Amino acid sequence: MRGIEEMPQWGHEALSSTRTESAAGQAAGMAFASVALGARTDVVADVGEDDAGERIIRELAAAGVGVEALGVVPGGTTPLTVAVVRGDGERSFISDLGSLRPFDIDAVVAQFPDVVTASVVALVGTSNLPGIDHGAAAGVLAAARRAGALTVFDSGWDPAGWSPTSVGALRAVLAETDLYLPNLDEARALTGRSRVNEVLEELSTLCAGVVIVKGGESGSYTALEDGIVLVEAIPTEVDNAVGAGDVYDAGVVVGYLHGRDVTSCMALGTAAASLYVSRRHDRFATFDEVDALAQRVVASAFEERA
């Protein structure tokens, strides 16, 4: 729902300017983008036994995403998220988890037993998967790493409020993560820090690999041996920012698969997200489109003002 400048008070109503519907969550959005960028991708999740579940399977398959590991819950209801989008593209979400409430790591392994043989294993959206035991998830990522896979983690925002228990669980997963991709709000909530350099310093001690923090229009950040690097956002007329972080993740991961260095991967993620948020149709760009735009992305040393 677009064009909502102020959320209505309880008992009141607001009108949107336009609306769209799409078959995607955090994993599906990343999968759509990854396939468009040329990476073979499978989604491991559940849908309900309903029209929405059929639509998700159909649209993923039509885009070339592997759906053999998508489970259908008998009598279940497919999850639904309503995104409320401001005129500047900022958004809030309200979700019904439906058939994904009980989804757990046992289901992942049962539905995709070859998960540790993948080149990349991305665990995403776990904050909205109450059935996921993060200790068990860390075990799967550890096995994947031993088998040579790149492990990727992006939990999403915790609707339960980042309790000490959930923060501790997420930190356990980071010990088996090669590439952690939170947004800045999530990174601050997880660390309890506010300054970018402090956030990256703490996350770098928790994560086994590279931490890239997404800051939206302010760009994205990572800590390298010689300091913090800012990869600037591309000035873009935003149509809809819902899913931009997932597309950014896909661009970064595909960059790794192409052997690019960290900042070049961030530039690819930036370009992929920029093209995505500017379009209402054909939103997932090809690798050639993204790579061409990435050449314009600026990376520089970052020093945070006091």
Protein backbone atom coordinates (compact mmCIF):
# COMPACT_ATOMS: atom_id res chain seq x y z
CA MET A 1 0.00 0.00 0.00
CA ARG A 2 1.75 3.17 -1.24
CA GLY A 3 1.46 6.85 -0.44
CA ILE A 4 0.64 6.56 3.27
CA GLU A 5 2.26 9.65 4.81
CA GLU A 6 0.89 9.12 8.32
CA MET A 7 -0.25 5.87 9.95
CA PRO A 8 -3.89 6.17 11.05
CA GLN A 9 -4.83 6.20 14.73
CA TRP A 10 -6.76 3.24 16.08
CA GLY A 11 -10.32 3.43 14.82
CA HIS A 12 -9.36 5.73 11.93
CA GLU A 13 -8.62 5.01 8.30
CA ALA A 14 -6.06 6.09 5.70
CA LEU A 15 -6.19 5.79 1.92
CA SER A 16 -3.30 4.60 -0.21
CA SER A 17 -2.46 6.09 -3.58
CA THR A 18 -1.70 2.75 -5.26
CA ARG A 19 -1.16 -0.89 -4.38
CA THR A 20 0.64 -3.89 -5.82
CA GLU A 21 0.78 -7.56 -4.94
CA SER A 22 3.81 -9.81 -5.35
CA ALA A 23 4.77 -13.35 -4.49
CA ALA A 24 7.82 -12.80 -2.32
CA GLY A 25 9.18 -12.85 1.18
CA GLN A 26 12.76 -12.31 2.23
CA ALA A 27 13.96 -15.63 0.78
CA ALA A 28 11.87 -15.41 -2.38
CA GLY A 29 12.91 -11.82 -3.06
CA MET A 30 16.56 -12.81 -2.79
CA ALA A 31 15.92 -15.83 -5.01
CA PHE A 32 14.17 -13.84 -7.75
CA ALA A 33 17.07 -11.38 -7.81
CA SER A 34 19.76 -14.10 -7.72
CA VAL A 35 18.27 -15.98 -10.65
CA ALA A 36 17.97 -12.78 -12.69
CA LEU A 37 21.67 -12.21 -11.96
CA GLY A 38 22.49 -15.67 -13.31
CA ALA A 39 22.84 -17.80 -10.17
CA ARG A 40 21.01 -21.12 -9.90
CA THR A 41 18.92 -20.79 -6.75
CA ASP A 42 16.58 -23.02 -4.72
CA VAL A 43 14.20 -21.84 -2.00
CA VAL A 44 13.67 -23.99 1.08
CA ALA A 45 10.50 -22.97 2.92
CA ASP A 46 6.82 -23.80 3.36
CA VAL A 47 3.64 -22.42 1.83
CA GLY A 48 0.03 -23.15 2.66
CA GLU A 49 -2.36 -25.36 0.74
CA ASP A 50 -4.20 -22.43 -0.81
CA ASP A 51 -4.31 -20.18 -3.87
CA ALA A 52 -1.55 -17.92 -2.53
CA GLY A 53 0.77 -20.90 -2.03
CA GLU A 54 0.09 -22.13 -5.55
CA ARG A 55 0.81 -18.65 -6.89
CA ILE A 56 4.16 -18.43 -5.08
CA ILE A 57 5.27 -21.80 -6.41
CA ARG A 58 4.09 -20.95 -9.92
CA GLU A 59 5.80 -17.53 -10.05
CA LEU A 60 9.07 -18.76 -8.56
CA ALA A 61 9.18 -21.64 -11.03
CA ALA A 62 8.37 -19.36 -13.95
CA ALA A 63 11.32 -17.16 -12.98
CA GLY A 64 13.64 -20.17 -12.91
CA VAL A 65 13.89 -20.58 -9.13
CA GLY A 66 14.09 -24.15 -7.88
CA VAL A 67 10.89 -25.04 -5.97
CA GLU A 68 11.42 -28.74 -5.30
CA ALA A 69 12.32 -27.93 -1.67
CA LEU A 70 9.18 -25.85 -1.07
CA GLY A 71 6.86 -27.73 1.25
CA VAL A 72 3.07 -27.44 1.10
CA VAL A 73 1.40 -27.61 4.53
CA PRO A 74 -1.90 -29.56 4.24
CA GLY A 75 -4.74 -27.24 5.21
CA GLY A 76 -2.21 -24.48 5.95
CA THR A 77 -2.50 -20.78 5.17
CA THR A 78 0.27 -19.10 3.21
CA PRO A 79 1.93 -16.22 5.12
CA LEU A 80 0.96 -12.67 4.20
CA THR A 81 2.74 -9.37 4.75
CA VAL A 82 1.22 -5.94 4.21
CA ALA A 83 3.84 -3.28 3.56
CA VAL A 84 2.78 0.31 4.20
CA VAL A 85 4.94 2.62 2.07
CA ARG A 86 5.48 6.36 2.50
CA GLY A 87 5.90 8.70 -0.44
CA ASP A 88 9.69 8.67 -0.02
CA GLY A 89 9.79 4.86 -0.17
CA GLU A 90 10.23 4.18 3.57
CA ARG A 91 8.05 1.30 4.75
CA SER A 92 6.61 -0.61 7.70
CA PHE A 93 5.33 -4.18 7.74
CA ILE A 94 2.51 -6.17 9.32
CA SER A 95 2.69 -9.94 8.87
CA ASP A 96 0.65 -13.06 9.46
CA LEU A 97 3.09 -15.98 9.57
CA GLY A 98 0.48 -18.62 8.75
CA SER A 99 1.98 -21.98 7.83
CA LEU A 100 5.54 -20.79 8.54
CA ARG A 101 5.02 -20.67 12.32
CA PRO A 102 6.19 -24.28 12.90
CA PHE A 103 8.82 -24.30 10.12
CA ASP A 104 12.14 -25.43 11.58
CA ILE A 105 15.64 -26.63 10.71
CA ASP A 106 14.47 -30.25 10.64
CA ALA A 107 12.12 -29.25 7.82
CA VAL A 108 14.98 -27.55 5.98
CA VAL A 109 17.10 -30.70 6.10
CA ALA A 110 14.19 -32.97 5.24
CA GLN A 111 13.07 -30.89 2.27
CA PHE A 112 16.57 -30.21 0.96
CA PRO A 113 18.92 -32.92 2.27
CA ASP A 114 21.71 -31.75 -0.05
CA VAL A 115 21.81 -28.28 1.53
CA VAL A 116 25.46 -28.65 2.60
CA THR A 117 26.50 -29.34 -1.01
CA ALA A 118 25.40 -25.88 -2.20
CA SER A 119 27.97 -23.24 -3.13
CA VAL A 120 26.11 -20.72 -0.97
CA VAL A 121 23.77 -21.40 1.94
CA ALA A 122 21.75 -18.29 2.86
CA LEU A 123 19.71 -18.30 6.06
CA VAL A 124 17.34 -15.34 5.91
CA GLY A 125 14.24 -14.01 7.64
CA THR A 126 14.71 -16.06 10.81
CA SER A 127 13.28 -13.31 13.03
CA ASN A 128 9.90 -14.13 11.47
CA LEU A 129 10.37 -17.90 11.84
CA PRO A 130 9.54 -18.69 15.50
CA GLY A 131 10.10 -22.41 14.90
CA ILE A 132 13.76 -21.93 13.96
CA ASP A 133 16.20 -23.02 16.67
CA HIS A 134 19.26 -20.88 16.06
CA GLY A 135 21.54 -23.44 17.66
CA ALA A 136 20.39 -26.03 15.12
CA ALA A 137 20.69 -23.42 12.36
CA ALA A 138 24.29 -22.73 13.40
CA GLY A 139 24.93 -26.47 13.14
CA VAL A 140 23.71 -26.56 9.54
CA LEU A 141 25.82 -23.54 8.64
CA ALA A 142 28.85 -25.12 10.30
CA ALA A 143 28.39 -28.29 8.23
CA ALA A 144 28.01 -26.21 5.07
CA ARG A 145 31.19 -24.26 5.85
CA ARG A 146 33.12 -27.50 6.39
CA ALA A 147 31.90 -28.62 2.97
CA GLY A 148 33.22 -25.41 1.40
CA ALA A 149 30.02 -23.36 1.10
CA LEU A 150 29.76 -19.62 1.65
CA THR A 151 27.34 -19.13 4.55
CA VAL A 152 25.15 -16.01 4.47
CA PHE A 153 22.91 -14.70 7.25
CA ASP A 154 20.30 -11.94 7.29
CA SER A 155 17.79 -12.38 10.11
CA GLY A 156 15.59 -9.39 9.34
CA TRP A 157 14.00 -7.20 12.00
CA ASP A 158 12.93 -8.91 15.23
CA PRO A 159 9.22 -8.14 15.79
CA ALA A 160 9.56 -9.48 19.36
CA GLY A 161 11.84 -6.58 20.32
CA TRP A 162 15.39 -7.99 20.37
CA SER A 163 15.23 -9.69 23.77
CA PRO A 164 18.50 -10.87 25.39
CA THR A 165 17.51 -14.44 24.49
CA SER A 166 16.99 -13.70 20.80
CA VAL A 167 20.15 -11.57 20.63
CA GLY A 168 22.15 -14.41 22.17
CA ALA A 169 20.71 -16.88 19.68
CA LEU A 170 21.58 -14.65 16.71
CA ARG A 171 25.12 -14.21 17.97
CA ALA A 172 25.56 -18.00 18.00
CA VAL A 173 24.69 -18.11 14.30
CA LEU A 174 27.23 -15.39 13.52
CA ALA A 175 30.03 -17.69 14.68
CA GLU A 176 29.29 -19.85 11.61
CA THR A 177 28.55 -17.00 9.19
CA ASP A 178 30.90 -16.01 6.37
CA LEU A 179 28.81 -13.04 5.24
CA TYR A 180 26.46 -11.15 7.57
CA LEU A 181 24.16 -8.60 5.93
CA PRO A 182 22.04 -6.68 8.48
CA ASN A 183 20.61 -3.25 7.93
CA LEU A 184 21.80 -0.47 10.20
CA ASP A 185 18.74 -0.57 12.50
CA GLU A 186 19.15 -4.33 12.98
CA ALA A 187 22.89 -4.03 13.58
CA ARG A 188 22.33 -1.33 16.20
CA ALA A 189 19.64 -3.39 17.93
CA LEU A 190 21.85 -6.49 17.99
CA THR A 191 24.91 -4.71 19.39
CA GLY A 192 23.29 -2.01 21.51
CA ARG A 193 25.62 0.49 19.79
CA SER A 194 24.67 3.53 17.73
CA ARG A 195 27.83 4.66 15.91
CA VAL A 196 28.66 2.81 12.70
CA ASN A 197 32.28 2.19 13.67
CA GLU A 198 31.27 0.75 17.05
CA VAL A 199 28.60 -1.43 15.44
CA LEU A 200 31.05 -2.84 12.91
CA GLU A 201 33.78 -3.33 15.51
CA GLU A 202 31.51 -5.45 17.71
CA LEU A 203 29.91 -7.42 14.89
CA SER A 204 33.33 -8.17 13.43
CA THR A 205 34.31 -9.87 16.69
CA LEU A 206 31.13 -12.00 16.60
CA CYS A 207 31.02 -12.92 12.90
CA ALA A 208 33.35 -15.57 11.47
CA GLY A 209 33.66 -13.65 8.20
CA VAL A 210 32.68 -10.32 6.66
CA VAL A 211 30.02 -7.94 7.99
CA ILE A 212 28.30 -5.55 5.57
CA VAL A 213 25.81 -3.12 7.11
CA LYS A 214 23.12 -1.71 4.83
CA GLY A 215 22.22 1.93 5.46
CA GLY A 216 19.68 2.56 2.70
CA GLU A 217 20.14 5.96 1.10
CA SER A 218 23.26 6.58 3.23
CA GLY A 219 25.03 3.64 1.53
CA SER A 220 26.54 0.48 2.99
CA TYR A 221 29.51 -0.07 5.26
CA THR A 222 32.15 -2.69 5.96
CA ALA A 223 35.30 -2.87 8.05
CA LEU A 224 38.51 -3.73 6.21
CA GLU A 225 42.04 -4.02 7.61
CA ASP A 226 42.79 -0.36 6.91
CA GLY A 227 39.49 1.04 8.19
CA ILE A 228 35.79 1.38 7.43
CA VAL A 229 34.68 1.67 3.82
CA LEU A 230 31.49 3.41 2.74
CA VAL A 231 29.98 2.32 -0.56
CA GLU A 232 27.70 5.19 -1.49
CA ALA A 233 24.10 4.72 -2.60
CA ILE A 234 23.18 5.70 -6.15
CA PRO A 235 20.79 8.68 -6.31
CA THR A 236 17.54 7.02 -7.36
CA GLU A 237 13.92 8.00 -7.79
CA VAL A 238 12.30 5.38 -5.55
CA ASP A 239 9.07 3.74 -6.63
CA ASN A 240 8.99 1.16 -3.84
CA ALA A 241 11.77 0.10 -1.45
CA VAL A 242 10.09 -3.09 -0.18
CA GLY A 243 12.56 -5.93 -0.71
CA ALA A 244 15.51 -3.68 -1.55
CA GLY A 245 17.68 -5.26 1.13
CA ASP A 246 17.03 -8.75 -0.22
CA VAL A 247 18.03 -7.65 -3.73
CA TYR A 248 21.15 -6.00 -2.31
CA ASP A 249 22.01 -9.31 -0.61
CA ALA A 250 21.64 -11.16 -3.91
CA GLY A 251 23.94 -8.71 -5.68
CA VAL A 252 26.63 -9.11 -3.02
CA VAL A 253 26.44 -12.92 -3.08
CA VAL A 254 26.57 -13.10 -6.88
CA GLY A 255 29.59 -10.81 -6.73
CA TYR A 256 31.30 -13.35 -4.48
CA LEU A 257 30.45 -16.10 -6.94
CA HIS A 258 32.15 -14.02 -9.64
CA GLY A 259 35.30 -13.71 -7.51
CA ARG A 260 34.91 -9.97 -6.83
CA ASP A 261 36.45 -8.32 -3.78
CA VAL A 262 34.26 -7.06 -0.93
CA THR A 263 33.79 -3.47 -2.10
CA SER A 264 33.07 -4.62 -5.67
CA CYS A 265 30.45 -7.02 -4.29
CA MET A 266 28.91 -4.14 -2.34
CA ALA A 267 28.84 -2.05 -5.52
CA LEU A 268 26.95 -4.84 -7.30
CA GLY A 269 24.47 -5.04 -4.43
CA THR A 270 24.03 -1.27 -4.51
CA ALA A 271 23.40 -1.26 -8.26
CA ALA A 272 20.97 -4.20 -8.09
CA ALA A 273 18.97 -2.53 -5.32
CA SER A 274 18.98 0.84 -7.08
CA LEU A 275 17.54 -0.63 -10.28
CA TYR A 276 15.00 -2.64 -8.29
CA VAL A 277 13.59 0.24 -6.23
CA SER A 278 13.27 2.49 -9.30
CA ARG A 279 11.11 0.07 -11.27
CA ARG A 280 7.49 -0.97 -10.98
CA HIS A 281 7.82 -3.74 -13.60
CA ASP A 282 10.69 -6.08 -14.55
CA ARG A 283 12.27 -5.10 -11.26
CA PHE A 284 14.99 -7.76 -11.06
CA ALA A 285 17.87 -6.65 -13.26
CA THR A 286 20.26 -8.85 -15.21
CA PHE A 287 23.93 -9.18 -14.28
CA ASP A 288 25.02 -7.09 -17.27
CA GLU A 289 22.67 -4.24 -16.28
CA VAL A 290 23.83 -4.37 -12.68
CA ASP A 291 27.51 -4.67 -13.52
CA ALA A 292 27.35 -1.65 -15.85
CA LEU A 293 25.69 0.51 -13.19
CA ALA A 294 28.08 -0.75 -10.50
CA GLN A 295 30.95 0.93 -12.34
CA ARG A 296 29.45 4.27 -11.26
CA VAL A 297 29.33 3.36 -7.57
CA VAL A 298 31.74 5.30 -5.34
CA ALA A 299 33.60 3.68 -2.43
CA SER A 300 35.58 5.74 0.08
CA ALA A 301 37.10 5.68 3.55
CA PHE A 302 34.46 6.47 6.18
CA GLU A 303 34.93 8.54 9.31
CA GLU A 304 31.89 9.11 11.45
CA ARG A 305 31.29 12.61 12.73
CA ALA A 306 31.07 12.99 16.48
